């Protein structure tokens, strides 16, 4: 190998780190669940800043409502009735995200039912869900990253209601409702791939090449 090629090899070995590589990683979140109304917080995994430079993140919040609806007919004749439960899901403000209020609303119902005279009928289990879809944040990333990772809090709550129609003025009813909130977070980041550390023998060969090139240039001068 000529001294010039040895010099080129030395330059490559001692060169700058390789170009950044775009990667993504998914964090885990806890959940919030129980009888309505929900009010509390769960935690999502922060990005570990030691992995690279965080460029953006996305967050999706999902909710599910389940329960039963009871219809009561207080008249002495059959009545057509229906009941509908509606659950609205909320979350506290999160830096960098634009959150709707409510995030979404889920509802389920009995449909129109003929309830016998003086009867009480329970319908269920019934369920319905909703989602915010993936929400992007590429403006305020500081609260969601830390060296070694960590957690950030996500607070959620619900407001639920029951509406009953029909019954000829003799209808009534009630609802037993539970709900859950979960979330998924993902991070897009760049990482720099470091070149391998050369073996001592490779460094010695590069140094010899540089010495040889210097000697050759001196002879030409």
N, C-alpha and C. Protein backbone atom coordinates (compact mmCIF):
# COMPACT_ATOMS: atom_id res chain seq x y z
N UNK A 1 0.86 -1.19 0.00
CA UNK A 1 0.00 0.00 0.00
C UNK A 1 0.89 1.25 0.00
N UNK A 2 0.59 2.23 -0.87
CA UNK A 2 1.39 3.44 -0.95
C UNK A 2 1.17 4.31 0.27
N UNK A 3 2.14 5.22 0.59
CA UNK A 3 1.95 6.13 1.72
C UNK A 3 0.69 6.96 1.62
N UNK A 4 0.31 7.35 0.38
CA UNK A 4 -0.88 8.17 0.23
C UNK A 4 -2.14 7.41 0.65
N UNK A 5 -2.18 6.13 0.29
CA UNK A 5 -3.33 5.32 0.68
C UNK A 5 -3.34 5.07 2.19
N UNK A 6 -2.17 4.93 2.76
CA UNK A 6 -2.10 4.77 4.20
C UNK A 6 -2.61 6.01 4.91
N UNK A 7 -2.30 7.17 4.36
CA UNK A 7 -2.78 8.43 4.94
C UNK A 7 -4.31 8.50 4.88
N UNK A 8 -4.85 8.07 3.74
CA UNK A 8 -6.32 8.08 3.60
C UNK A 8 -6.97 7.13 4.60
N UNK A 9 -6.34 5.96 4.78
CA UNK A 9 -6.87 5.01 5.75
C UNK A 9 -6.85 5.58 7.15
N UNK A 10 -5.78 6.28 7.51
CA UNK A 10 -5.67 6.89 8.84
C UNK A 10 -6.75 7.95 9.04
N UNK A 11 -7.01 8.71 7.99
CA UNK A 11 -8.03 9.77 8.09
C UNK A 11 -9.41 9.17 8.32
N UNK A 12 -9.67 8.06 7.62
CA UNK A 12 -10.97 7.41 7.80
C UNK A 12 -11.13 6.84 9.20
N UNK A 13 -10.06 6.23 9.72
CA UNK A 13 -10.12 5.63 11.04
C UNK A 13 -10.32 6.67 12.13
N UNK A 14 -9.72 7.83 11.95
CA UNK A 14 -9.82 8.87 12.96
C UNK A 14 -10.93 9.86 12.65
N UNK A 15 -11.78 9.54 11.68
CA UNK A 15 -12.79 10.48 11.21
C UNK A 15 -13.90 10.72 12.19
N UNK A 16 -14.81 11.58 11.74
CA UNK A 16 -15.95 11.96 12.57
C UNK A 16 -16.95 10.81 12.60
N UNK A 17 -17.79 10.78 13.61
CA UNK A 17 -18.78 9.72 13.75
C UNK A 17 -19.68 9.65 12.53
N UNK A 18 -20.24 8.50 12.32
CA UNK A 18 -21.09 8.26 11.17
C UNK A 18 -22.36 9.12 11.25
N UNK A 19 -23.03 9.32 10.08
CA UNK A 19 -24.24 10.14 10.07
C UNK A 19 -25.30 9.61 11.05
N UNK A 20 -26.17 10.52 11.49
CA UNK A 20 -27.21 10.15 12.44
C UNK A 20 -28.20 9.17 11.80
N UNK A 21 -28.77 8.32 12.61
CA UNK A 21 -29.73 7.34 12.14
C UNK A 21 -31.07 7.58 12.84
N UNK A 22 -32.16 7.69 12.05
CA UNK A 22 -33.49 7.96 12.61
C UNK A 22 -34.10 6.67 13.14
N UNK A 23 -34.55 6.69 14.38
CA UNK A 23 -35.12 5.52 15.02
C UNK A 23 -36.40 5.91 15.75
N UNK A 24 -37.15 4.91 16.16
CA UNK A 24 -38.34 5.15 16.97
C UNK A 24 -38.39 4.12 18.10
N UNK A 25 -39.00 4.51 19.19
CA UNK A 25 -39.13 3.63 20.34
C UNK A 25 -40.48 3.89 21.00
N UNK A 26 -41.10 2.85 21.51
CA UNK A 26 -42.42 2.96 22.14
C UNK A 26 -42.30 2.89 23.65
N UNK A 27 -42.96 3.82 24.32
CA UNK A 27 -42.98 3.82 25.78
C UNK A 27 -44.25 3.20 26.30
N UNK A 28 -44.23 2.77 27.54
CA UNK A 28 -45.41 2.16 28.15
C UNK A 28 -46.13 3.17 29.04
N UNK A 29 -47.41 2.99 29.15
CA UNK A 29 -48.23 3.83 30.03
C UNK A 29 -49.05 2.93 30.93
N UNK A 30 -49.38 3.43 32.06
CA UNK A 30 -50.27 2.69 32.95
C UNK A 30 -51.71 2.84 32.50
N UNK A 31 -52.63 2.65 33.40
CA UNK A 31 -54.04 2.78 33.07
C UNK A 31 -54.80 3.31 34.28
N UNK A 32 -55.96 3.81 33.98
CA UNK A 32 -56.85 4.35 35.00
C UNK A 32 -58.21 3.71 34.75
N UNK A 33 -58.76 3.02 35.76
CA UNK A 33 -60.03 2.33 35.54
C UNK A 33 -60.82 2.22 36.83
N UNK A 34 -62.12 2.01 36.68
CA UNK A 34 -63.00 1.85 37.83
C UNK A 34 -64.40 2.33 37.51
N UNK A 35 -65.29 2.29 38.49
CA UNK A 35 -66.65 2.80 38.30
C UNK A 35 -66.61 4.31 38.02
N UNK A 36 -67.51 4.76 37.19
CA UNK A 36 -67.59 6.20 36.96
C UNK A 36 -68.19 6.88 38.21
N UNK A 37 -67.61 8.08 38.58
CA UNK A 37 -66.75 8.80 37.67
C UNK A 37 -65.27 8.56 37.98
N UNK A 38 -64.45 8.47 36.90
CA UNK A 38 -63.02 8.35 37.06
C UNK A 38 -62.42 9.72 37.34
N UNK A 39 -61.38 9.74 38.16
CA UNK A 39 -60.60 10.96 38.39
C UNK A 39 -59.28 10.55 39.01
N UNK A 40 -58.21 10.69 38.25
CA UNK A 40 -56.91 10.28 38.76
C UNK A 40 -55.83 10.45 37.71
N UNK A 41 -54.69 9.82 37.94
CA UNK A 41 -53.56 9.95 37.04
C UNK A 41 -52.86 8.62 36.87
N UNK A 42 -52.29 8.42 35.69
CA UNK A 42 -51.41 7.29 35.46
C UNK A 42 -50.15 7.81 34.77
N UNK A 43 -49.15 6.94 34.61
CA UNK A 43 -47.82 7.40 34.21
C UNK A 43 -47.37 6.78 32.89
N UNK A 44 -46.70 7.59 32.09
CA UNK A 44 -46.11 7.14 30.82
C UNK A 44 -44.59 7.26 30.89
N UNK A 45 -43.92 6.41 30.15
CA UNK A 45 -42.46 6.38 30.15
C UNK A 45 -41.88 7.56 29.39
N UNK A 46 -40.92 8.25 30.01
CA UNK A 46 -40.19 9.32 29.34
C UNK A 46 -39.15 8.73 28.39
N UNK A 47 -38.72 9.56 27.45
CA UNK A 47 -37.63 9.19 26.54
C UNK A 47 -36.29 9.30 27.27
N UNK A 48 -35.41 8.32 27.07
CA UNK A 48 -34.07 8.34 27.65
C UNK A 48 -33.17 9.17 26.73
N UNK A 49 -32.82 10.37 27.16
CA UNK A 49 -32.05 11.28 26.31
C UNK A 49 -30.66 10.76 26.00
N UNK A 50 -30.19 9.74 26.73
CA UNK A 50 -28.89 9.16 26.43
C UNK A 50 -28.91 8.39 25.11
N UNK A 51 -30.10 8.07 24.61
CA UNK A 51 -30.21 7.32 23.35
C UNK A 51 -29.93 8.17 22.13
N UNK A 52 -30.14 9.48 22.23
CA UNK A 52 -29.94 10.36 21.09
C UNK A 52 -30.72 11.65 21.23
N UNK A 53 -30.99 12.29 20.08
CA UNK A 53 -31.70 13.57 20.05
C UNK A 53 -33.17 13.33 19.72
N UNK A 54 -34.04 13.72 20.63
CA UNK A 54 -35.47 13.54 20.44
C UNK A 54 -36.00 14.59 19.48
N UNK A 55 -36.70 14.14 18.42
CA UNK A 55 -37.23 15.05 17.41
C UNK A 55 -38.73 15.28 17.55
N UNK A 56 -39.46 14.24 17.89
CA UNK A 56 -40.91 14.37 18.02
C UNK A 56 -41.44 13.18 18.81
N UNK A 57 -42.67 13.30 19.24
CA UNK A 57 -43.32 12.21 19.96
C UNK A 57 -44.80 12.20 19.60
N UNK A 58 -45.43 11.06 19.72
CA UNK A 58 -46.87 10.97 19.50
C UNK A 58 -47.51 10.26 20.69
N UNK A 59 -48.73 10.67 20.97
CA UNK A 59 -49.47 10.13 22.11
C UNK A 59 -50.89 9.83 21.66
N UNK A 60 -51.36 8.64 22.00
CA UNK A 60 -52.74 8.27 21.70
C UNK A 60 -53.41 7.85 23.00
N UNK A 61 -54.54 8.46 23.30
CA UNK A 61 -55.30 8.14 24.50
C UNK A 61 -56.58 7.41 24.10
N UNK A 62 -56.83 6.30 24.77
CA UNK A 62 -58.00 5.49 24.45
C UNK A 62 -58.88 5.33 25.68
N UNK A 63 -60.16 5.22 25.45
CA UNK A 63 -61.09 5.03 26.55
C UNK A 63 -62.13 3.97 26.23
N UNK A 64 -62.59 3.30 27.26
CA UNK A 64 -63.62 2.28 27.10
C UNK A 64 -64.62 2.40 28.23
N UNK A 65 -65.90 2.34 27.89
CA UNK A 65 -66.96 2.35 28.90
C UNK A 65 -67.76 1.07 28.79
N UNK A 66 -68.08 0.50 29.92
CA UNK A 66 -68.87 -0.74 29.96
C UNK A 66 -69.92 -0.61 31.06
N UNK A 67 -70.98 -1.39 30.95
CA UNK A 67 -71.98 -1.35 32.00
C UNK A 67 -73.31 -1.95 31.59
N UNK A 68 -74.32 -1.62 32.37
CA UNK A 68 -75.67 -2.12 32.10
C UNK A 68 -76.67 -0.97 32.29
N UNK A 69 -77.80 -1.14 31.67
CA UNK A 69 -78.88 -0.15 31.78
C UNK A 69 -80.15 -0.87 32.25
N UNK A 70 -80.79 -0.33 33.25
CA UNK A 70 -82.02 -0.90 33.79
C UNK A 70 -83.20 -0.02 33.39
N UNK A 71 -84.22 -0.61 32.77
CA UNK A 71 -85.44 0.11 32.39
C UNK A 71 -86.61 -0.38 33.26
N UNK A 72 -87.37 0.58 33.78
CA UNK A 72 -88.52 0.27 34.65
C UNK A 72 -89.80 0.85 34.06
N UNK A 73 -90.80 0.02 33.98
CA UNK A 73 -92.10 0.45 33.49
C UNK A 73 -93.09 0.46 34.65
N UNK A 74 -93.51 1.66 35.06
CA UNK A 74 -94.40 1.79 36.20
C UNK A 74 -95.87 1.80 35.85
N UNK A 75 -96.16 1.60 34.56
CA UNK A 75 -97.58 1.63 34.19
C UNK A 75 -98.18 0.22 34.23
N UNK A 76 -99.50 0.15 34.03
CA UNK A 76 -100.19 -1.14 34.04
C UNK A 76 -100.39 -1.71 32.65
N UNK A 77 -99.60 -1.19 31.71
CA UNK A 77 -99.62 -1.71 30.34
C UNK A 77 -98.20 -1.70 29.78
N UNK A 78 -97.90 -2.53 28.79
CA UNK A 78 -96.56 -2.54 28.20
C UNK A 78 -96.21 -1.17 27.60
N UNK A 79 -94.94 -0.83 27.67
CA UNK A 79 -94.48 0.47 27.15
C UNK A 79 -93.18 0.27 26.37
N UNK A 80 -93.07 1.01 25.27
CA UNK A 80 -91.80 1.05 24.53
C UNK A 80 -90.86 2.04 25.21
N UNK A 81 -89.66 1.58 25.47
CA UNK A 81 -88.68 2.42 26.16
C UNK A 81 -87.28 2.19 25.57
N UNK A 82 -86.41 3.13 25.79
CA UNK A 82 -85.00 2.97 25.43
C UNK A 82 -84.15 3.75 26.42
N UNK A 83 -82.95 3.28 26.60
CA UNK A 83 -82.00 3.95 27.48
C UNK A 83 -80.64 4.07 26.81
N UNK A 84 -79.95 5.18 27.05
CA UNK A 84 -78.63 5.42 26.47
C UNK A 84 -77.69 5.97 27.53
N UNK A 85 -76.53 5.34 27.66
CA UNK A 85 -75.48 5.83 28.54
C UNK A 85 -74.41 6.51 27.71
N UNK A 86 -73.99 7.67 28.16
CA UNK A 86 -72.95 8.45 27.46
C UNK A 86 -71.83 8.77 28.44
N UNK A 87 -70.60 8.50 28.03
CA UNK A 87 -69.43 8.77 28.87
C UNK A 87 -68.46 9.65 28.10
N UNK A 88 -68.15 10.81 28.66
CA UNK A 88 -67.17 11.72 28.06
C UNK A 88 -65.85 11.58 28.81
N UNK A 89 -64.76 11.52 28.05
CA UNK A 89 -63.43 11.32 28.61
C UNK A 89 -62.63 12.62 28.50
N UNK A 90 -61.93 12.94 29.57
CA UNK A 90 -61.16 14.19 29.65
C UNK A 90 -59.72 13.90 30.08
N UNK A 91 -58.82 14.81 29.75
CA UNK A 91 -57.44 14.75 30.23
C UNK A 91 -56.96 16.17 30.50
N UNK A 92 -56.13 16.32 31.52
CA UNK A 92 -55.55 17.62 31.81
C UNK A 92 -54.59 18.04 30.71
N UNK A 93 -54.30 19.33 30.64
CA UNK A 93 -53.43 19.87 29.60
C UNK A 93 -52.05 19.21 29.66
N UNK A 94 -51.49 18.95 28.48
CA UNK A 94 -50.14 18.41 28.34
C UNK A 94 -49.33 19.34 27.44
N UNK A 95 -48.15 19.76 27.90
CA UNK A 95 -47.31 20.68 27.13
C UNK A 95 -47.02 20.11 25.74
N UNK A 96 -47.22 20.94 24.72
CA UNK A 96 -46.92 20.55 23.35
C UNK A 96 -48.07 19.87 22.63
N UNK A 97 -49.14 19.54 23.33
CA UNK A 97 -50.28 18.87 22.72
C UNK A 97 -51.52 19.77 22.78
N UNK A 98 -52.35 19.67 21.75
CA UNK A 98 -53.63 20.37 21.74
C UNK A 98 -54.72 19.34 22.02
N UNK A 99 -55.24 19.37 23.23
CA UNK A 99 -56.23 18.38 23.65
C UNK A 99 -57.64 18.95 23.57
N UNK A 100 -58.53 18.19 22.94
CA UNK A 100 -59.94 18.59 22.91
C UNK A 100 -60.56 18.36 24.28
N UNK A 101 -61.66 19.05 24.54
CA UNK A 101 -62.37 18.87 25.81
C UNK A 101 -63.87 18.73 25.52
N UNK A 102 -64.41 17.53 25.64
CA UNK A 102 -63.74 16.30 26.05
C UNK A 102 -62.85 15.74 24.94
N UNK A 103 -62.00 14.79 25.31
CA UNK A 103 -61.16 14.13 24.31
C UNK A 103 -62.04 13.42 23.28
N UNK A 104 -63.04 12.71 23.78
CA UNK A 104 -64.00 11.99 22.95
C UNK A 104 -65.14 11.52 23.86
N UNK A 105 -66.21 11.10 23.23
CA UNK A 105 -67.38 10.61 23.97
C UNK A 105 -67.79 9.25 23.42
N UNK A 106 -68.05 8.33 24.32
CA UNK A 106 -68.50 6.99 23.94
C UNK A 106 -69.90 6.77 24.50
N UNK A 107 -70.76 6.14 23.71
CA UNK A 107 -72.12 5.89 24.18
C UNK A 107 -72.62 4.53 23.72
N UNK A 108 -73.48 3.95 24.51
CA UNK A 108 -74.14 2.70 24.15
C UNK A 108 -75.58 2.76 24.66
N UNK A 109 -76.44 1.92 24.07
CA UNK A 109 -77.85 1.97 24.45
C UNK A 109 -78.55 0.65 24.30
N UNK A 110 -79.78 0.62 24.76
CA UNK A 110 -80.60 -0.59 24.71
C UNK A 110 -81.33 -0.75 23.39
N UNK A 111 -81.45 0.35 22.65
CA UNK A 111 -82.37 0.34 21.54
C UNK A 111 -83.80 0.37 22.08
N UNK A 112 -84.77 0.45 21.20
CA UNK A 112 -86.17 0.50 21.63
C UNK A 112 -86.60 -0.89 22.08
N UNK A 113 -87.12 -0.97 23.31
CA UNK A 113 -87.54 -2.24 23.89
C UNK A 113 -88.97 -2.13 24.42
N UNK A 114 -89.69 -3.22 24.28
CA UNK A 114 -91.04 -3.28 24.86
C UNK A 114 -90.93 -3.84 26.27
N UNK A 115 -91.24 -3.00 27.24
CA UNK A 115 -91.11 -3.39 28.65
C UNK A 115 -92.51 -3.76 29.18
N UNK A 116 -92.67 -4.97 29.69
CA UNK A 116 -94.00 -5.39 30.19
C UNK A 116 -94.50 -4.48 31.32
N UNK A 117 -95.78 -4.51 31.54
CA UNK A 117 -96.39 -3.69 32.61
C UNK A 117 -95.77 -4.02 33.96
N UNK A 118 -95.37 -2.98 34.68
CA UNK A 118 -94.82 -3.13 36.01
C UNK A 118 -93.47 -3.81 36.08
N UNK A 119 -92.81 -4.02 34.93
CA UNK A 119 -91.56 -4.80 34.92
C UNK A 119 -90.32 -3.92 35.04
N UNK A 120 -89.27 -4.56 35.51
CA UNK A 120 -87.93 -3.98 35.53
C UNK A 120 -87.01 -4.92 34.76
N UNK A 121 -86.37 -4.40 33.72
CA UNK A 121 -85.53 -5.23 32.85
C UNK A 121 -84.13 -4.65 32.79
N UNK A 122 -83.12 -5.52 32.94
CA UNK A 122 -81.71 -5.10 32.89
C UNK A 122 -81.12 -5.52 31.54
N UNK A 123 -80.44 -4.59 30.90
CA UNK A 123 -79.78 -4.85 29.62
C UNK A 123 -78.27 -4.70 29.80
N UNK A 124 -77.52 -5.70 29.38
CA UNK A 124 -76.08 -5.64 29.50
C UNK A 124 -75.48 -7.03 29.56
N UNK A 125 -74.15 -7.13 29.52
CA UNK A 125 -73.24 -5.97 29.49
C UNK A 125 -73.23 -5.26 28.14
N UNK A 126 -73.06 -3.96 28.19
CA UNK A 126 -72.96 -3.10 27.01
C UNK A 126 -71.62 -2.37 27.08
N UNK A 127 -71.09 -1.98 25.92
CA UNK A 127 -69.81 -1.26 25.94
C UNK A 127 -69.64 -0.39 24.71
N UNK A 128 -68.77 0.58 24.83
CA UNK A 128 -68.41 1.47 23.72
C UNK A 128 -67.07 2.11 24.05
N UNK A 129 -66.31 2.46 23.01
CA UNK A 129 -64.99 3.06 23.23
C UNK A 129 -64.73 4.22 22.29
N UNK A 130 -63.61 4.85 22.52
CA UNK A 130 -63.19 5.97 21.68
C UNK A 130 -61.70 6.19 21.79
N UNK A 131 -61.15 7.04 20.92
CA UNK A 131 -59.72 7.29 20.89
C UNK A 131 -59.44 8.68 20.34
N UNK A 132 -58.34 9.26 20.80
CA UNK A 132 -57.93 10.55 20.27
C UNK A 132 -57.24 10.41 18.92
N UNK A 133 -56.77 9.19 18.58
CA UNK A 133 -55.87 9.03 17.45
C UNK A 133 -54.49 9.51 17.86
N UNK A 134 -53.51 9.33 17.00
CA UNK A 134 -52.14 9.72 17.31
C UNK A 134 -51.99 11.24 17.27
N UNK A 135 -51.63 11.84 18.40
CA UNK A 135 -51.44 13.29 18.49
C UNK A 135 -49.94 13.59 18.49
N UNK A 136 -49.51 14.50 17.62
CA UNK A 136 -48.08 14.78 17.43
C UNK A 136 -47.63 15.98 18.26
N UNK A 137 -46.45 15.86 18.84
CA UNK A 137 -45.80 16.97 19.54
C UNK A 137 -44.37 17.06 19.05
N UNK A 138 -44.03 18.16 18.37
CA UNK A 138 -42.65 18.40 17.96
C UNK A 138 -42.19 19.80 18.34
N UNK A 139 -42.87 20.39 19.34
CA UNK A 139 -42.56 21.76 19.74
C UNK A 139 -42.05 21.87 21.17
N UNK A 140 -42.58 21.08 22.07
CA UNK A 140 -42.19 21.15 23.48
C UNK A 140 -41.91 19.75 23.99
N UNK A 141 -40.63 19.36 23.90
CA UNK A 141 -40.25 17.99 24.22
C UNK A 141 -39.56 17.85 25.57
N UNK A 142 -39.20 18.97 26.19
CA UNK A 142 -38.43 18.93 27.44
C UNK A 142 -39.10 18.12 28.55
N UNK A 143 -40.43 18.25 28.75
CA UNK A 143 -41.04 17.50 29.87
C UNK A 143 -41.07 15.99 29.69
N UNK A 144 -40.75 15.53 28.49
CA UNK A 144 -40.94 14.12 28.18
C UNK A 144 -39.63 13.36 27.98
N UNK A 145 -38.51 13.95 28.41
CA UNK A 145 -37.24 13.26 28.28
C UNK A 145 -36.34 13.56 29.48
N UNK A 146 -35.46 12.61 29.78
CA UNK A 146 -34.51 12.75 30.88
C UNK A 146 -33.43 11.71 30.70
N UNK A 147 -32.24 12.02 31.19
CA UNK A 147 -31.15 11.05 31.14
C UNK A 147 -31.53 9.83 31.97
N UNK A 148 -31.50 8.68 31.34
CA UNK A 148 -31.91 7.46 32.02
C UNK A 148 -33.41 7.21 31.97
N UNK A 149 -34.18 8.14 31.41
CA UNK A 149 -35.62 7.99 31.33
C UNK A 149 -36.31 8.38 32.63
N UNK A 150 -37.57 8.09 32.71
CA UNK A 150 -38.37 8.45 33.88
C UNK A 150 -39.84 8.31 33.54
N UNK A 151 -40.68 9.08 34.21
CA UNK A 151 -42.12 9.01 33.99
C UNK A 151 -42.71 10.41 33.90
N UNK A 152 -43.77 10.56 33.13
CA UNK A 152 -44.56 11.79 33.17
C UNK A 152 -46.02 11.41 33.42
N UNK A 153 -46.70 12.27 34.14
CA UNK A 153 -48.06 11.96 34.59
C UNK A 153 -49.09 12.37 33.54
N UNK A 154 -50.11 11.57 33.42
CA UNK A 154 -51.24 11.86 32.55
C UNK A 154 -52.50 11.72 33.40
N UNK A 155 -53.20 12.84 33.60
CA UNK A 155 -54.40 12.84 34.44
C UNK A 155 -55.65 12.73 33.58
N UNK A 156 -56.58 11.91 34.03
CA UNK A 156 -57.80 11.72 33.27
C UNK A 156 -59.03 11.69 34.15
N UNK A 157 -60.18 11.89 33.54
CA UNK A 157 -61.45 11.86 34.27
C UNK A 157 -62.58 11.58 33.29
N UNK A 158 -63.75 11.31 33.85
CA UNK A 158 -64.94 11.07 33.03
C UNK A 158 -66.14 11.82 33.58
N UNK A 159 -67.10 12.05 32.72
CA UNK A 159 -68.43 12.51 33.09
C UNK A 159 -69.42 11.63 32.34
N UNK A 160 -70.33 11.00 33.08
CA UNK A 160 -71.26 10.08 32.44
C UNK A 160 -72.70 10.47 32.75
N UNK A 161 -73.59 10.02 31.90
CA UNK A 161 -75.00 10.31 32.11
C UNK A 161 -75.89 9.26 31.46
N UNK A 162 -77.12 9.18 31.91
CA UNK A 162 -78.10 8.24 31.38
C UNK A 162 -79.33 9.00 30.93
N UNK A 163 -79.77 8.69 29.72
CA UNK A 163 -81.03 9.27 29.25
C UNK A 163 -82.01 8.15 28.93
N UNK A 164 -83.25 8.35 29.32
CA UNK A 164 -84.30 7.34 29.11
C UNK A 164 -85.45 7.99 28.35
N UNK A 165 -85.90 7.29 27.32
CA UNK A 165 -87.02 7.78 26.51
C UNK A 165 -88.17 6.78 26.55
N UNK A 166 -89.37 7.28 26.33
CA UNK A 166 -90.55 6.42 26.27
C UNK A 166 -91.11 6.15 27.66
N UNK A 167 -92.00 5.20 27.71
CA UNK A 167 -92.62 4.83 28.98
C UNK A 167 -93.92 5.54 29.26
N UNK A 168 -94.36 6.44 28.39
CA UNK A 168 -95.64 7.12 28.58
C UNK A 168 -95.75 7.88 29.88
N UNK A 169 -94.63 8.41 30.37
CA UNK A 169 -94.65 9.15 31.62
C UNK A 169 -94.51 8.26 32.85
N UNK A 170 -94.44 6.93 32.66
CA UNK A 170 -94.32 6.00 33.78
C UNK A 170 -92.96 5.29 33.79
N UNK A 171 -92.09 5.71 32.87
CA UNK A 171 -90.81 5.02 32.73
C UNK A 171 -89.73 5.59 33.63
N UNK A 172 -88.80 4.75 33.95
CA UNK A 172 -87.65 5.16 34.75
C UNK A 172 -86.52 4.17 34.53
N UNK A 173 -85.43 4.38 35.26
CA UNK A 173 -84.33 3.44 35.11
C UNK A 173 -83.06 3.93 35.79
N UNK A 174 -82.02 3.15 35.61
CA UNK A 174 -80.72 3.46 36.21
C UNK A 174 -79.63 2.81 35.38
N UNK A 175 -78.39 3.16 35.71
CA UNK A 175 -77.24 2.61 34.98
C UNK A 175 -76.12 2.29 35.95
N UNK A 176 -75.40 1.22 35.67
CA UNK A 176 -74.16 0.89 36.36
C UNK A 176 -73.05 0.98 35.32
N UNK A 177 -72.12 1.89 35.51
CA UNK A 177 -71.14 2.19 34.47
C UNK A 177 -69.73 2.18 35.02
N UNK A 178 -68.82 1.55 34.27
CA UNK A 178 -67.39 1.60 34.56
C UNK A 178 -66.66 2.11 33.33
N UNK A 179 -65.44 2.61 33.54
CA UNK A 179 -64.67 3.15 32.43
C UNK A 179 -63.18 2.92 32.66
N UNK A 180 -62.43 2.99 31.58
CA UNK A 180 -60.98 2.87 31.67
C UNK A 180 -60.32 3.81 30.68
N UNK A 181 -59.14 4.30 31.06
CA UNK A 181 -58.33 5.15 30.19
C UNK A 181 -56.95 4.51 30.07
N UNK A 182 -56.46 4.40 28.85
CA UNK A 182 -55.10 3.94 28.60
C UNK A 182 -54.45 4.86 27.58
N UNK A 183 -53.14 4.75 27.46
CA UNK A 183 -52.43 5.59 26.50
C UNK A 183 -51.23 4.85 25.94
N UNK A 184 -50.82 5.24 24.73
CA UNK A 184 -49.62 4.71 24.09
C UNK A 184 -48.78 5.89 23.62
N UNK A 185 -47.48 5.85 23.89
CA UNK A 185 -46.58 6.94 23.51
C UNK A 185 -45.42 6.38 22.70
N UNK A 186 -45.00 7.11 21.68
CA UNK A 186 -43.84 6.69 20.88
C UNK A 186 -42.97 7.91 20.62
N UNK A 187 -41.67 7.66 20.48
CA UNK A 187 -40.68 8.73 20.31
C UNK A 187 -39.89 8.51 19.02
N UNK A 188 -39.69 9.60 18.27
CA UNK A 188 -38.84 9.58 17.08
C UNK A 188 -37.56 10.35 17.41
N UNK A 189 -36.41 9.73 17.18
CA UNK A 189 -35.16 10.36 17.59
C UNK A 189 -34.02 9.99 16.64
N UNK A 190 -32.96 10.77 16.71
CA UNK A 190 -31.75 10.51 15.93
C UNK A 190 -30.66 10.03 16.87
N UNK A 191 -29.91 9.04 16.42
CA UNK A 191 -28.77 8.56 17.19
C UNK A 191 -27.54 8.58 16.30
N UNK A 192 -26.36 8.90 16.87
CA UNK A 192 -25.12 8.95 16.12
C UNK A 192 -24.37 7.64 16.31
N UNK A 193 -24.03 7.01 15.20
CA UNK A 193 -23.30 5.75 15.24
C UNK A 193 -21.80 6.04 15.31
N UNK A 194 -21.17 5.64 16.39
CA UNK A 194 -19.75 5.91 16.56
C UNK A 194 -18.92 4.88 15.80
N UNK A 195 -17.82 5.33 15.16
CA UNK A 195 -16.96 4.39 14.45
C UNK A 195 -16.25 3.47 15.43
N UNK A 196 -15.87 2.26 15.00
CA UNK A 196 -15.16 1.35 15.90
C UNK A 196 -13.78 1.88 16.25
N UNK A 197 -13.29 1.56 17.45
CA UNK A 197 -11.96 1.98 17.87
C UNK A 197 -10.94 1.09 17.19
N UNK A 198 -9.97 1.69 16.44
CA UNK A 198 -8.98 0.89 15.70
C UNK A 198 -8.10 0.08 16.65
N UNK A 199 -7.65 -1.08 16.16
CA UNK A 199 -6.69 -1.89 16.89
C UNK A 199 -5.34 -1.19 16.93
N UNK A 200 -4.49 -1.45 17.93
CA UNK A 200 -3.16 -0.81 18.00
C UNK A 200 -2.33 -1.04 16.74
N UNK A 201 -2.44 -2.23 16.17
CA UNK A 201 -1.68 -2.51 14.96
C UNK A 201 -2.10 -1.63 13.80
N UNK A 202 -3.40 -1.33 13.73
CA UNK A 202 -3.90 -0.46 12.65
C UNK A 202 -3.37 0.95 12.82
N UNK A 203 -3.33 1.44 14.07
CA UNK A 203 -2.77 2.77 14.32
C UNK A 203 -1.29 2.81 13.94
N UNK A 204 -0.55 1.74 14.27
CA UNK A 204 0.88 1.71 13.94
C UNK A 204 1.09 1.77 12.44
N UNK A 205 0.26 1.05 11.68
CA UNK A 205 0.37 1.08 10.23
C UNK A 205 0.07 2.46 9.67
N UNK A 206 -0.95 3.14 10.27
CA UNK A 206 -1.28 4.49 9.81
C UNK A 206 -0.15 5.46 10.09
N UNK A 207 0.48 5.34 11.26
CA UNK A 207 1.60 6.22 11.62
C UNK A 207 2.77 6.01 10.68
N UNK A 208 3.08 4.75 10.37
CA UNK A 208 4.16 4.46 9.43
C UNK A 208 3.88 5.09 8.07
N UNK A 209 2.63 5.05 7.66
CA UNK A 209 2.27 5.66 6.39
C UNK A 209 2.51 7.16 6.39
N UNK A 210 2.14 7.81 7.50
CA UNK A 210 2.35 9.25 7.59
C UNK A 210 3.83 9.58 7.60
N UNK A 211 4.63 8.80 8.32
CA UNK A 211 6.08 9.04 8.34
C UNK A 211 6.67 8.85 6.95
N UNK A 212 6.23 7.80 6.26
CA UNK A 212 6.73 7.56 4.92
C UNK A 212 6.36 8.66 3.96
N UNK A 213 5.13 9.18 4.10
CA UNK A 213 4.70 10.27 3.23
C UNK A 213 5.52 11.52 3.49
N UNK A 214 5.81 11.81 4.78
CA UNK A 214 6.63 12.97 5.09
C UNK A 214 8.03 12.84 4.52
N UNK A 215 8.62 11.68 4.63
CA UNK A 215 9.98 11.45 4.08
C UNK A 215 9.99 11.65 2.57
N UNK A 216 8.91 11.15 1.92
CA UNK A 216 8.84 11.25 0.46
C UNK A 216 8.71 12.72 0.04
N UNK A 217 7.90 13.48 0.77
CA UNK A 217 7.73 14.88 0.42
C UNK A 217 9.02 15.67 0.65
N UNK A 218 9.79 15.32 1.67
CA UNK A 218 11.05 16.01 1.93
C UNK A 218 12.02 15.75 0.81
N UNK A 219 12.07 14.52 0.29
CA UNK A 219 12.99 14.20 -0.81
C UNK A 219 12.65 14.99 -2.04
N UNK A 220 11.31 15.15 -2.31
CA UNK A 220 10.91 15.89 -3.50
C UNK A 220 11.29 17.37 -3.38
N UNK A 221 11.30 17.91 -2.17
CA UNK A 221 11.63 19.31 -2.00
C UNK A 221 13.13 19.52 -2.04
